[in-house]
């Protein structure tokens, strides 16, 4: 059955049609919810609330043009209410302060060339605190994704020396920028593709 057929049957009181919508949209809506929060319970309870409210209010709900859009919008509203904390400023829109996690690479159209240039400059400055060999080893490990063995061979070192070199590079970066920023830096370097 298509979305509109399931919706029509659900509106007529067919619980199997609502189950069909649930089965069809459970995974995509869950994935969408996890973009807002890693809280499994919150995501699951919000989904349960959505389908419970759909069933309880089926007679008063109008038929949407696009069922998928309606379900996503309704789910988002329920989830954001569950996550909502009081806004500090009246001009803030509800849900604006709740993060939505999307992976953005340098090639993504939302990241302009100017912004990427600033990011590259910051990374370059941070990498500047490392020795040339530390910088090279870190680049090979986190940007090129090479193993310690491969790096050792490229840099004419033994594997133990390579591990120590990268460890000390990470320690210097951690001292300068802290654990969180270091993780972000390594993530950015790793996301070249």
N, C-alpha and C. Protein backbone atom coordinates (compact mmCIF):
# COMPACT_ATOMS: atom_id res chain seq x y z
N UNK A 1 0.83 -1.19 0.00
CA UNK A 1 0.00 0.00 0.00
C UNK A 1 0.87 1.25 0.00
N UNK A 2 0.43 2.26 -0.70
CA UNK A 2 1.13 3.54 -0.73
C UNK A 2 0.75 4.37 0.49
N UNK A 3 1.54 5.41 0.75
CA UNK A 3 1.31 6.27 1.91
C UNK A 3 -0.12 6.78 1.99
N UNK A 4 -0.61 7.31 0.88
CA UNK A 4 -1.96 7.90 0.89
C UNK A 4 -3.04 6.85 1.15
N UNK A 5 -2.84 5.65 0.63
CA UNK A 5 -3.81 4.58 0.88
C UNK A 5 -3.78 4.17 2.36
N UNK A 6 -2.56 4.05 2.90
CA UNK A 6 -2.43 3.72 4.32
C UNK A 6 -3.07 4.81 5.18
N UNK A 7 -2.83 6.05 4.80
CA UNK A 7 -3.38 7.17 5.57
C UNK A 7 -4.91 7.15 5.54
N UNK A 8 -5.48 6.93 4.38
CA UNK A 8 -6.93 6.89 4.25
C UNK A 8 -7.50 5.77 5.11
N UNK A 9 -6.89 4.59 5.04
CA UNK A 9 -7.37 3.45 5.84
C UNK A 9 -7.22 3.71 7.33
N UNK A 10 -6.10 4.32 7.70
CA UNK A 10 -5.89 4.67 9.12
C UNK A 10 -6.96 5.64 9.59
N UNK A 11 -7.28 6.64 8.76
CA UNK A 11 -8.32 7.62 9.12
C UNK A 11 -9.68 6.96 9.29
N UNK A 12 -9.88 5.86 8.58
CA UNK A 12 -11.14 5.12 8.68
C UNK A 12 -11.17 4.18 9.89
N UNK A 13 -10.06 4.16 10.67
CA UNK A 13 -10.03 3.35 11.88
C UNK A 13 -9.31 2.02 11.74
N UNK A 14 -8.60 1.81 10.64
CA UNK A 14 -7.88 0.56 10.42
C UNK A 14 -6.53 0.61 11.15
N UNK A 15 -6.43 -0.13 12.26
CA UNK A 15 -5.21 -0.13 13.05
C UNK A 15 -4.04 -0.74 12.27
N UNK A 16 -4.35 -1.68 11.37
CA UNK A 16 -3.29 -2.29 10.54
C UNK A 16 -2.65 -1.26 9.62
N UNK A 17 -3.41 -0.30 9.17
CA UNK A 17 -2.87 0.76 8.31
C UNK A 17 -1.90 1.63 9.11
N UNK A 18 -2.27 1.94 10.36
CA UNK A 18 -1.36 2.71 11.21
C UNK A 18 -0.08 1.91 11.47
N UNK A 19 -0.23 0.61 11.68
CA UNK A 19 0.95 -0.24 11.85
C UNK A 19 1.81 -0.22 10.60
N UNK A 20 1.18 -0.18 9.43
CA UNK A 20 1.93 -0.10 8.18
C UNK A 20 2.74 1.19 8.08
N UNK A 21 2.12 2.30 8.48
CA UNK A 21 2.85 3.57 8.49
C UNK A 21 4.00 3.52 9.49
N UNK A 22 3.74 2.92 10.64
CA UNK A 22 4.77 2.80 11.67
C UNK A 22 5.96 1.99 11.15
N UNK A 23 5.66 0.84 10.56
CA UNK A 23 6.73 -0.02 10.03
C UNK A 23 7.51 0.68 8.91
N UNK A 24 6.81 1.40 8.08
CA UNK A 24 7.45 2.08 6.95
C UNK A 24 8.32 3.24 7.40
N UNK A 25 7.92 3.96 8.43
CA UNK A 25 8.61 5.19 8.83
C UNK A 25 9.41 5.08 10.12
N UNK A 26 9.36 3.94 10.78
CA UNK A 26 10.08 3.81 12.05
C UNK A 26 11.58 4.09 11.88
N UNK A 27 12.23 3.40 10.96
CA UNK A 27 13.68 3.56 10.78
C UNK A 27 14.06 4.95 10.29
N UNK A 28 13.42 5.48 9.24
CA UNK A 28 13.81 6.82 8.80
C UNK A 28 13.56 7.90 9.86
N UNK A 29 12.46 7.80 10.59
CA UNK A 29 12.20 8.79 11.63
C UNK A 29 13.17 8.64 12.80
N UNK A 30 13.52 7.41 13.13
CA UNK A 30 14.53 7.19 14.18
C UNK A 30 15.86 7.82 13.78
N UNK A 31 16.28 7.56 12.55
CA UNK A 31 17.54 8.15 12.07
C UNK A 31 17.49 9.67 12.12
N UNK A 32 16.37 10.22 11.76
CA UNK A 32 16.19 11.68 11.82
C UNK A 32 16.29 12.16 13.27
N UNK A 33 15.68 11.44 14.18
CA UNK A 33 15.72 11.81 15.59
C UNK A 33 17.13 11.78 16.16
N UNK A 34 17.91 10.81 15.72
CA UNK A 34 19.29 10.71 16.21
C UNK A 34 20.17 11.83 15.70
N UNK A 35 19.72 12.58 14.72
CA UNK A 35 20.46 13.77 14.29
C UNK A 35 20.35 14.88 15.34
N UNK A 36 19.30 14.82 16.15
CA UNK A 36 19.10 15.82 17.20
C UNK A 36 19.69 15.39 18.53
N UNK A 37 19.61 14.11 18.82
CA UNK A 37 20.05 13.62 20.13
C UNK A 37 20.50 12.17 20.03
N UNK A 38 21.50 11.80 20.81
CA UNK A 38 21.91 10.40 20.85
C UNK A 38 21.07 9.58 21.85
N UNK A 39 20.13 10.23 22.52
CA UNK A 39 19.33 9.60 23.56
C UNK A 39 18.30 8.66 22.95
N UNK A 40 18.60 7.37 23.04
CA UNK A 40 17.75 6.34 22.46
C UNK A 40 16.34 6.37 23.03
N UNK A 41 16.23 6.57 24.33
CA UNK A 41 14.93 6.59 25.00
C UNK A 41 14.09 7.77 24.49
N UNK A 42 14.72 8.92 24.38
CA UNK A 42 14.01 10.11 23.92
C UNK A 42 13.49 9.93 22.49
N UNK A 43 14.33 9.38 21.63
CA UNK A 43 13.94 9.15 20.23
C UNK A 43 12.78 8.16 20.18
N UNK A 44 12.90 7.07 20.91
CA UNK A 44 11.87 6.03 20.91
C UNK A 44 10.55 6.54 21.50
N UNK A 45 10.62 7.22 22.62
CA UNK A 45 9.40 7.73 23.25
C UNK A 45 8.71 8.77 22.38
N UNK A 46 9.49 9.57 21.69
CA UNK A 46 8.91 10.57 20.79
C UNK A 46 8.19 9.89 19.63
N UNK A 47 8.76 8.81 19.12
CA UNK A 47 8.09 8.05 18.06
C UNK A 47 6.79 7.44 18.57
N UNK A 48 6.85 6.87 19.77
CA UNK A 48 5.64 6.29 20.34
C UNK A 48 4.56 7.36 20.54
N UNK A 49 4.97 8.53 21.02
CA UNK A 49 4.02 9.64 21.19
C UNK A 49 3.39 10.03 19.87
N UNK A 50 4.20 10.11 18.82
CA UNK A 50 3.68 10.49 17.51
C UNK A 50 2.58 9.54 17.08
N UNK A 51 2.84 8.24 17.10
CA UNK A 51 1.85 7.29 16.60
C UNK A 51 0.67 7.12 17.56
N UNK A 52 0.88 7.30 18.84
CA UNK A 52 -0.23 7.29 19.79
C UNK A 52 -1.16 8.47 19.52
N UNK A 53 -0.57 9.66 19.34
CA UNK A 53 -1.38 10.86 19.06
C UNK A 53 -2.09 10.75 17.72
N UNK A 54 -1.42 10.15 16.74
CA UNK A 54 -2.09 9.96 15.45
C UNK A 54 -3.34 9.11 15.63
N UNK A 55 -3.23 8.04 16.40
CA UNK A 55 -4.38 7.16 16.59
C UNK A 55 -5.48 7.85 17.39
N UNK A 56 -5.10 8.52 18.46
CA UNK A 56 -6.09 9.16 19.32
C UNK A 56 -6.81 10.31 18.61
N UNK A 57 -6.13 11.02 17.75
CA UNK A 57 -6.69 12.20 17.11
C UNK A 57 -7.03 11.98 15.64
N UNK A 58 -7.16 10.74 15.20
CA UNK A 58 -7.33 10.44 13.77
C UNK A 58 -8.56 11.11 13.16
N UNK A 59 -9.60 11.29 13.94
CA UNK A 59 -10.82 11.89 13.38
C UNK A 59 -10.67 13.38 13.14
N UNK A 60 -9.82 14.04 13.92
CA UNK A 60 -9.65 15.49 13.78
C UNK A 60 -8.49 15.90 12.88
N UNK A 61 -7.67 14.94 12.49
CA UNK A 61 -6.50 15.25 11.66
C UNK A 61 -6.92 15.27 10.20
N UNK A 62 -6.54 16.33 9.50
CA UNK A 62 -6.85 16.40 8.07
C UNK A 62 -5.84 15.56 7.30
N UNK A 63 -6.21 15.16 6.12
CA UNK A 63 -5.32 14.37 5.28
C UNK A 63 -4.29 15.28 4.63
N UNK A 64 -3.01 15.03 4.87
CA UNK A 64 -1.97 15.87 4.29
C UNK A 64 -1.76 15.54 2.82
N UNK A 65 -1.20 16.50 2.10
CA UNK A 65 -0.85 16.25 0.70
C UNK A 65 0.27 15.22 0.61
N UNK A 66 1.25 15.35 1.50
CA UNK A 66 2.39 14.43 1.51
C UNK A 66 2.51 13.84 2.92
N UNK A 67 2.20 12.56 3.05
CA UNK A 67 2.19 11.90 4.35
C UNK A 67 3.58 11.94 4.99
N UNK A 68 4.60 11.67 4.21
CA UNK A 68 5.97 11.66 4.74
C UNK A 68 6.32 13.00 5.37
N UNK A 69 6.02 14.07 4.69
CA UNK A 69 6.31 15.42 5.20
C UNK A 69 5.55 15.66 6.51
N UNK A 70 4.31 15.26 6.55
CA UNK A 70 3.50 15.44 7.76
C UNK A 70 4.10 14.68 8.94
N UNK A 71 4.51 13.43 8.70
CA UNK A 71 5.07 12.62 9.78
C UNK A 71 6.39 13.20 10.29
N UNK A 72 7.25 13.64 9.37
CA UNK A 72 8.52 14.24 9.79
C UNK A 72 8.29 15.52 10.58
N UNK A 73 7.40 16.36 10.09
CA UNK A 73 7.13 17.62 10.77
C UNK A 73 6.55 17.37 12.17
N UNK A 74 5.59 16.46 12.25
CA UNK A 74 4.97 16.15 13.54
C UNK A 74 5.97 15.52 14.50
N UNK A 75 6.78 14.62 13.99
CA UNK A 75 7.79 13.97 14.83
C UNK A 75 8.81 14.98 15.33
N UNK A 76 9.24 15.86 14.46
CA UNK A 76 10.21 16.88 14.84
C UNK A 76 9.66 17.75 15.97
N UNK A 77 8.41 18.16 15.84
CA UNK A 77 7.79 19.00 16.86
C UNK A 77 7.74 18.28 18.21
N UNK A 78 7.33 17.02 18.21
CA UNK A 78 7.26 16.24 19.45
C UNK A 78 8.66 16.07 20.05
N UNK A 79 9.63 15.74 19.22
CA UNK A 79 10.99 15.52 19.70
C UNK A 79 11.60 16.80 20.26
N UNK A 80 11.42 17.91 19.56
CA UNK A 80 11.99 19.17 20.04
C UNK A 80 11.34 19.62 21.34
N UNK A 81 10.06 19.38 21.49
CA UNK A 81 9.40 19.72 22.76
C UNK A 81 10.00 18.90 23.90
N UNK A 82 10.30 17.65 23.61
CA UNK A 82 10.89 16.79 24.64
C UNK A 82 12.31 17.25 24.99
N UNK A 83 13.03 17.77 24.01
CA UNK A 83 14.41 18.23 24.22
C UNK A 83 14.49 19.67 24.69
N UNK A 84 13.42 20.39 24.52
CA UNK A 84 13.42 21.83 24.76
C UNK A 84 13.82 22.20 26.18
N UNK A 85 14.64 23.24 26.27
CA UNK A 85 14.93 23.89 27.55
C UNK A 85 14.47 25.32 27.39
N UNK A 86 14.11 26.00 28.47
CA UNK A 86 13.60 27.37 28.32
C UNK A 86 14.57 28.26 27.56
N UNK A 87 14.03 29.02 26.62
CA UNK A 87 14.85 29.95 25.84
C UNK A 87 15.27 31.11 26.72
N UNK A 88 16.51 31.54 26.56
CA UNK A 88 17.01 32.68 27.33
C UNK A 88 16.55 34.00 26.74
N UNK A 89 16.34 34.02 25.45
CA UNK A 89 15.95 35.25 24.78
C UNK A 89 14.64 35.01 24.03
N UNK A 90 13.75 35.94 24.12
CA UNK A 90 12.45 35.77 23.48
C UNK A 90 12.56 35.65 21.98
N UNK A 91 13.59 36.28 21.40
CA UNK A 91 13.69 36.25 19.94
C UNK A 91 14.20 34.91 19.41
N UNK A 92 14.66 34.02 20.31
CA UNK A 92 15.10 32.71 19.85
C UNK A 92 13.90 31.90 19.38
N UNK A 93 14.10 31.18 18.31
CA UNK A 93 13.05 30.30 17.82
C UNK A 93 13.13 28.99 18.58
N UNK A 94 11.99 28.38 18.82
CA UNK A 94 11.97 27.11 19.52
C UNK A 94 12.80 26.09 18.75
N UNK A 95 13.66 25.41 19.45
CA UNK A 95 14.49 24.39 18.84
C UNK A 95 15.76 24.90 18.20
N UNK A 96 15.95 26.21 18.14
CA UNK A 96 17.12 26.77 17.47
C UNK A 96 18.42 26.39 18.17
N UNK A 97 18.38 26.27 19.48
CA UNK A 97 19.58 25.96 20.25
C UNK A 97 19.85 24.47 20.36
N UNK A 98 18.97 23.63 19.84
CA UNK A 98 19.16 22.19 19.89
C UNK A 98 19.98 21.79 18.67
N UNK A 99 21.10 21.10 18.88
CA UNK A 99 21.96 20.78 17.75
C UNK A 99 21.33 19.78 16.80
N UNK A 100 21.66 19.93 15.55
CA UNK A 100 21.28 18.97 14.52
C UNK A 100 22.57 18.57 13.83
N UNK A 101 22.97 17.31 13.96
CA UNK A 101 24.27 16.87 13.50
C UNK A 101 24.23 16.40 12.06
N UNK A 102 24.99 17.10 11.25
CA UNK A 102 25.12 16.74 9.85
C UNK A 102 26.60 16.74 9.53
N UNK A 103 27.07 15.72 8.83
CA UNK A 103 28.46 15.69 8.44
C UNK A 103 28.65 16.61 7.24
N UNK A 104 29.57 17.54 7.37
CA UNK A 104 29.86 18.48 6.29
C UNK A 104 31.34 18.36 5.96
N UNK A 105 31.64 18.06 4.70
CA UNK A 105 33.03 17.99 4.27
C UNK A 105 33.37 19.27 3.55
N UNK A 106 34.64 19.44 3.23
CA UNK A 106 35.09 20.64 2.55
C UNK A 106 34.44 20.85 1.20
N UNK A 107 34.01 19.78 0.57
CA UNK A 107 33.39 19.90 -0.74
C UNK A 107 31.91 20.23 -0.67
N UNK A 108 31.35 20.24 0.51
CA UNK A 108 29.92 20.49 0.67
C UNK A 108 29.61 21.93 0.27
N UNK A 109 28.50 22.15 -0.46
CA UNK A 109 28.19 23.50 -0.91
C UNK A 109 27.91 24.49 0.21
N UNK A 110 27.57 24.01 1.41
CA UNK A 110 27.29 24.93 2.52
C UNK A 110 28.56 25.53 3.10
N UNK A 111 29.70 24.90 2.82
CA UNK A 111 30.96 25.40 3.34
C UNK A 111 31.64 26.17 2.22
N UNK A 112 31.62 27.48 2.32
CA UNK A 112 32.19 28.32 1.28
C UNK A 112 33.70 28.25 1.25
N UNK A 113 34.27 28.71 0.15
CA UNK A 113 35.72 28.70 0.00
C UNK A 113 36.40 29.56 1.05
N UNK A 114 35.80 30.70 1.37
CA UNK A 114 36.38 31.59 2.36
C UNK A 114 36.43 30.92 3.73
N UNK A 115 35.35 30.26 4.08
CA UNK A 115 35.29 29.58 5.38
C UNK A 115 36.30 28.43 5.44
N UNK A 116 36.44 27.70 4.33
CA UNK A 116 37.42 26.62 4.29
C UNK A 116 38.83 27.18 4.39
N UNK A 117 39.08 28.33 3.80
CA UNK A 117 40.40 28.95 3.89
C UNK A 117 40.72 29.32 5.34
N UNK A 118 39.73 29.84 6.06
CA UNK A 118 39.93 30.17 7.48
C UNK A 118 40.22 28.91 8.28
N UNK A 119 39.46 27.86 8.01
CA UNK A 119 39.66 26.59 8.70
C UNK A 119 41.05 26.03 8.41
N UNK A 120 41.44 26.05 7.15
CA UNK A 120 42.78 25.57 6.79
C UNK A 120 43.86 26.38 7.50
N UNK A 121 43.66 27.68 7.60
CA UNK A 121 44.63 28.54 8.27
C UNK A 121 44.76 28.17 9.75
N UNK A 122 43.63 27.92 10.40
CA UNK A 122 43.66 27.54 11.81
C UNK A 122 44.36 26.19 12.00
N UNK A 123 44.05 25.25 11.12
CA UNK A 123 44.70 23.94 11.21
C UNK A 123 46.20 24.09 10.96
N UNK A 124 46.56 24.91 9.99
CA UNK A 124 47.98 25.14 9.69
C UNK A 124 48.70 25.74 10.89
N UNK A 125 48.07 26.69 11.56
CA UNK A 125 48.67 27.30 12.75
C UNK A 125 48.88 26.25 13.85
N UNK A 126 47.86 25.42 14.06
CA UNK A 126 47.99 24.37 15.07
C UNK A 126 49.09 23.38 14.70
N UNK A 127 49.12 23.00 13.45
CA UNK A 127 50.14 22.04 13.01
C UNK A 127 51.53 22.66 13.10
N UNK A 128 51.62 23.98 13.08
CA UNK A 128 52.90 24.68 13.18
C UNK A 128 53.60 24.48 14.51
N UNK A 129 52.89 24.07 15.54
CA UNK A 129 53.54 23.84 16.84
C UNK A 129 54.27 22.50 16.86
N UNK A 130 54.06 21.69 15.85
CA UNK A 130 54.71 20.38 15.78
C UNK A 130 56.02 20.49 15.01
N UNK A 131 56.90 19.54 15.29
CA UNK A 131 58.13 19.47 14.50
C UNK A 131 57.75 18.99 13.09
N UNK A 132 58.67 19.15 12.16
CA UNK A 132 58.40 18.72 10.79
C UNK A 132 58.07 17.24 10.72
N UNK A 133 58.81 16.41 11.46
CA UNK A 133 58.57 14.97 11.43
C UNK A 133 57.23 14.62 12.09
N UNK A 134 56.91 15.30 13.19
CA UNK A 134 55.61 15.07 13.83
C UNK A 134 54.48 15.45 12.88
N UNK A 135 54.64 16.58 12.22
CA UNK A 135 53.63 17.05 11.28
C UNK A 135 53.45 16.04 10.15
N UNK A 136 54.56 15.56 9.61
CA UNK A 136 54.49 14.60 8.51
C UNK A 136 53.82 13.31 8.96
N UNK A 137 54.21 12.81 10.13
CA UNK A 137 53.62 11.57 10.64
C UNK A 137 52.13 11.74 10.91
N UNK A 138 51.75 12.86 11.51
CA UNK A 138 50.33 13.12 11.79
C UNK A 138 49.54 13.22 10.49
N UNK A 139 50.11 13.88 9.50
CA UNK A 139 49.45 14.00 8.20
C UNK A 139 49.23 12.61 7.59
N UNK A 140 50.27 11.80 7.59
CA UNK A 140 50.16 10.47 6.99
C UNK A 140 49.14 9.60 7.74
N UNK A 141 49.12 9.73 9.05
CA UNK A 141 48.21 8.91 9.86
C UNK A 141 46.76 9.37 9.73
N UNK A 142 46.52 10.66 9.91
CA UNK A 142 45.14 11.13 10.02
C UNK A 142 44.55 11.69 8.74
N UNK A 143 45.37 12.13 7.83
CA UNK A 143 44.84 12.64 6.57
C UNK A 143 44.86 11.56 5.50
N UNK A 144 45.96 10.85 5.42
CA UNK A 144 46.08 9.79 4.42
C UNK A 144 45.55 8.45 4.91
N UNK A 145 45.39 8.32 6.23
CA UNK A 145 44.83 7.09 6.79
C UNK A 145 45.77 5.90 6.75
N UNK A 146 47.07 6.15 6.77
CA UNK A 146 48.05 5.07 6.70
C UNK A 146 48.25 4.43 8.07
N UNK A 147 48.70 3.19 8.05
CA UNK A 147 48.99 2.48 9.30
C UNK A 147 50.36 2.92 9.82
N UNK A 148 50.62 2.57 11.07
CA UNK A 148 51.92 2.89 11.66
C UNK A 148 53.05 2.23 10.86
N UNK A 149 52.80 1.00 10.42
CA UNK A 149 53.81 0.28 9.64
C UNK A 149 54.11 1.02 8.33
N UNK A 150 53.07 1.46 7.65
CA UNK A 150 53.27 2.19 6.39
C UNK A 150 54.00 3.50 6.61
N UNK A 151 53.65 4.20 7.68
CA UNK A 151 54.31 5.47 7.99
C UNK A 151 55.78 5.23 8.31
N UNK A 152 56.05 4.18 9.10
CA UNK A 152 57.43 3.86 9.45
C UNK A 152 58.26 3.60 8.20
N UNK A 153 57.69 2.89 7.28
CA UNK A 153 58.42 2.59 6.04
C UNK A 153 58.66 3.87 5.23
N UNK A 154 57.65 4.69 5.10
CA UNK A 154 57.78 5.94 4.33
C UNK A 154 58.81 6.86 4.96
N UNK A 155 58.81 6.95 6.29
CA UNK A 155 59.68 7.90 6.99
C UNK A 155 61.01 7.28 7.41
N UNK A 156 61.25 6.03 7.01
CA UNK A 156 62.49 5.33 7.34
C UNK A 156 62.72 5.28 8.84
N UNK A 157 61.70 4.83 9.55
CA UNK A 157 61.76 4.70 11.01
C UNK A 157 61.31 3.29 11.37
N UNK A 158 61.52 2.92 12.64
CA UNK A 158 60.92 1.67 13.09
C UNK A 158 59.51 1.97 13.58
N UNK A 159 58.72 0.94 13.76
CA UNK A 159 57.31 1.11 14.11
C UNK A 159 57.17 1.74 15.50
N UNK A 160 57.98 1.33 16.44
CA UNK A 160 57.92 1.90 17.79
C UNK A 160 58.20 3.39 17.75
N UNK A 161 59.21 3.79 16.99
CA UNK A 161 59.54 5.21 16.87
C UNK A 161 58.40 6.00 16.24
N UNK A 162 57.74 5.40 15.26
CA UNK A 162 56.61 6.06 14.60
C UNK A 162 55.46 6.26 15.59
N UNK A 163 55.15 5.23 16.37
CA UNK A 163 54.08 5.34 17.37
C UNK A 163 54.40 6.44 18.38
N UNK A 164 55.64 6.47 18.84
CA UNK A 164 56.04 7.50 19.81
C UNK A 164 55.97 8.89 19.20
N UNK A 165 56.40 9.02 17.95
CA UNK A 165 56.38 10.31 17.27
C UNK A 165 54.95 10.86 17.18
N UNK A 166 54.03 10.01 16.79
CA UNK A 166 52.63 10.43 16.67
C UNK A 166 52.03 10.70 18.05
N UNK A 167 52.36 9.87 19.02
CA UNK A 167 51.88 10.08 20.38
C UNK A 167 52.32 11.45 20.90
N UNK A 168 53.60 11.77 20.72
CA UNK A 168 54.11 13.06 21.20
C UNK A 168 53.49 14.23 20.44
N UNK A 169 53.22 14.03 19.16
CA UNK A 169 52.54 15.07 18.38
C UNK A 169 51.15 15.34 18.95
N UNK A 170 50.43 14.27 19.24
CA UNK A 170 49.09 14.42 19.81
C UNK A 170 49.14 15.07 21.20
N UNK A 171 50.14 14.72 21.98
CA UNK A 171 50.29 15.33 23.30
C UNK A 171 50.53 16.83 23.19
N UNK A 172 51.37 17.24 22.25
CA UNK A 172 51.64 18.68 22.07
C UNK A 172 50.36 19.41 21.65
N UNK A 173 49.62 18.80 20.73
CA UNK A 173 48.36 19.42 20.29
C UNK A 173 47.36 19.49 21.44
N UNK A 174 47.27 18.42 22.21
CA UNK A 174 46.33 18.37 23.33
C UNK A 174 46.67 19.43 24.37
N UNK A 175 47.95 19.64 24.64
CA UNK A 175 48.36 20.67 25.59
C UNK A 175 47.95 22.06 25.09
N UNK A 176 48.03 22.25 23.80
CA UNK A 176 47.74 23.57 23.22
C UNK A 176 46.24 23.83 23.10
N UNK A 177 45.48 22.84 22.67
CA UNK A 177 44.07 23.09 22.33
C UNK A 177 43.06 22.32 23.16
N UNK A 178 43.46 21.32 23.91
CA UNK A 178 42.51 20.53 24.69
C UNK A 178 42.00 19.33 23.91
N UNK A 179 41.41 18.40 24.65
CA UNK A 179 40.96 17.14 24.06
C UNK A 179 39.88 17.32 23.00
N UNK A 180 38.87 18.13 23.28
CA UNK A 180 37.75 18.27 22.35
C UNK A 180 38.19 18.86 21.02
N UNK A 181 38.94 19.94 21.07
CA UNK A 181 39.40 20.57 19.84
C UNK A 181 40.31 19.63 19.07
N UNK A 182 41.11 18.85 19.78
CA UNK A 182 41.98 17.89 19.11
C UNK A 182 41.15 16.85 18.38
N UNK A 183 40.09 16.37 19.01
CA UNK A 183 39.22 15.40 18.34
C UNK A 183 38.59 15.99 17.09
N UNK A 184 38.16 17.24 17.17
CA UNK A 184 37.58 17.91 16.01
C UNK A 184 38.62 18.04 14.91
N UNK A 185 39.83 18.43 15.27
CA UNK A 185 40.90 18.56 14.29
C UNK A 185 41.17 17.24 13.59
N UNK A 186 41.28 16.15 14.36
CA UNK A 186 41.53 14.84 13.77
C UNK A 186 40.36 14.42 12.89
N UNK A 187 39.14 14.73 13.29
CA UNK A 187 37.97 14.41 12.48
C UNK A 187 38.02 15.15 11.15
N UNK A 188 38.34 16.43 11.19
CA UNK A 188 38.41 17.22 9.96
C UNK A 188 39.49 16.68 9.04
N UNK A 189 40.63 16.34 9.60
CA UNK A 189 41.70 15.80 8.78
C UNK A 189 41.30 14.47 8.16
N UNK A 190 40.56 13.67 8.90
CA UNK A 190 40.16 12.35 8.42
C UNK A 190 39.08 12.43 7.34
N UNK A 191 38.25 13.48 7.34
CA UNK A 191 37.10 13.59 6.44
C UNK A 191 37.47 14.25 5.11
N UNK A 192 38.56 13.83 4.51
CA UNK A 192 38.95 14.45 3.25
C UNK A 192 38.09 13.98 2.09
N UNK A 193 37.51 12.78 2.17
CA UNK A 193 36.75 12.26 1.03
C UNK A 193 35.34 12.60 1.06
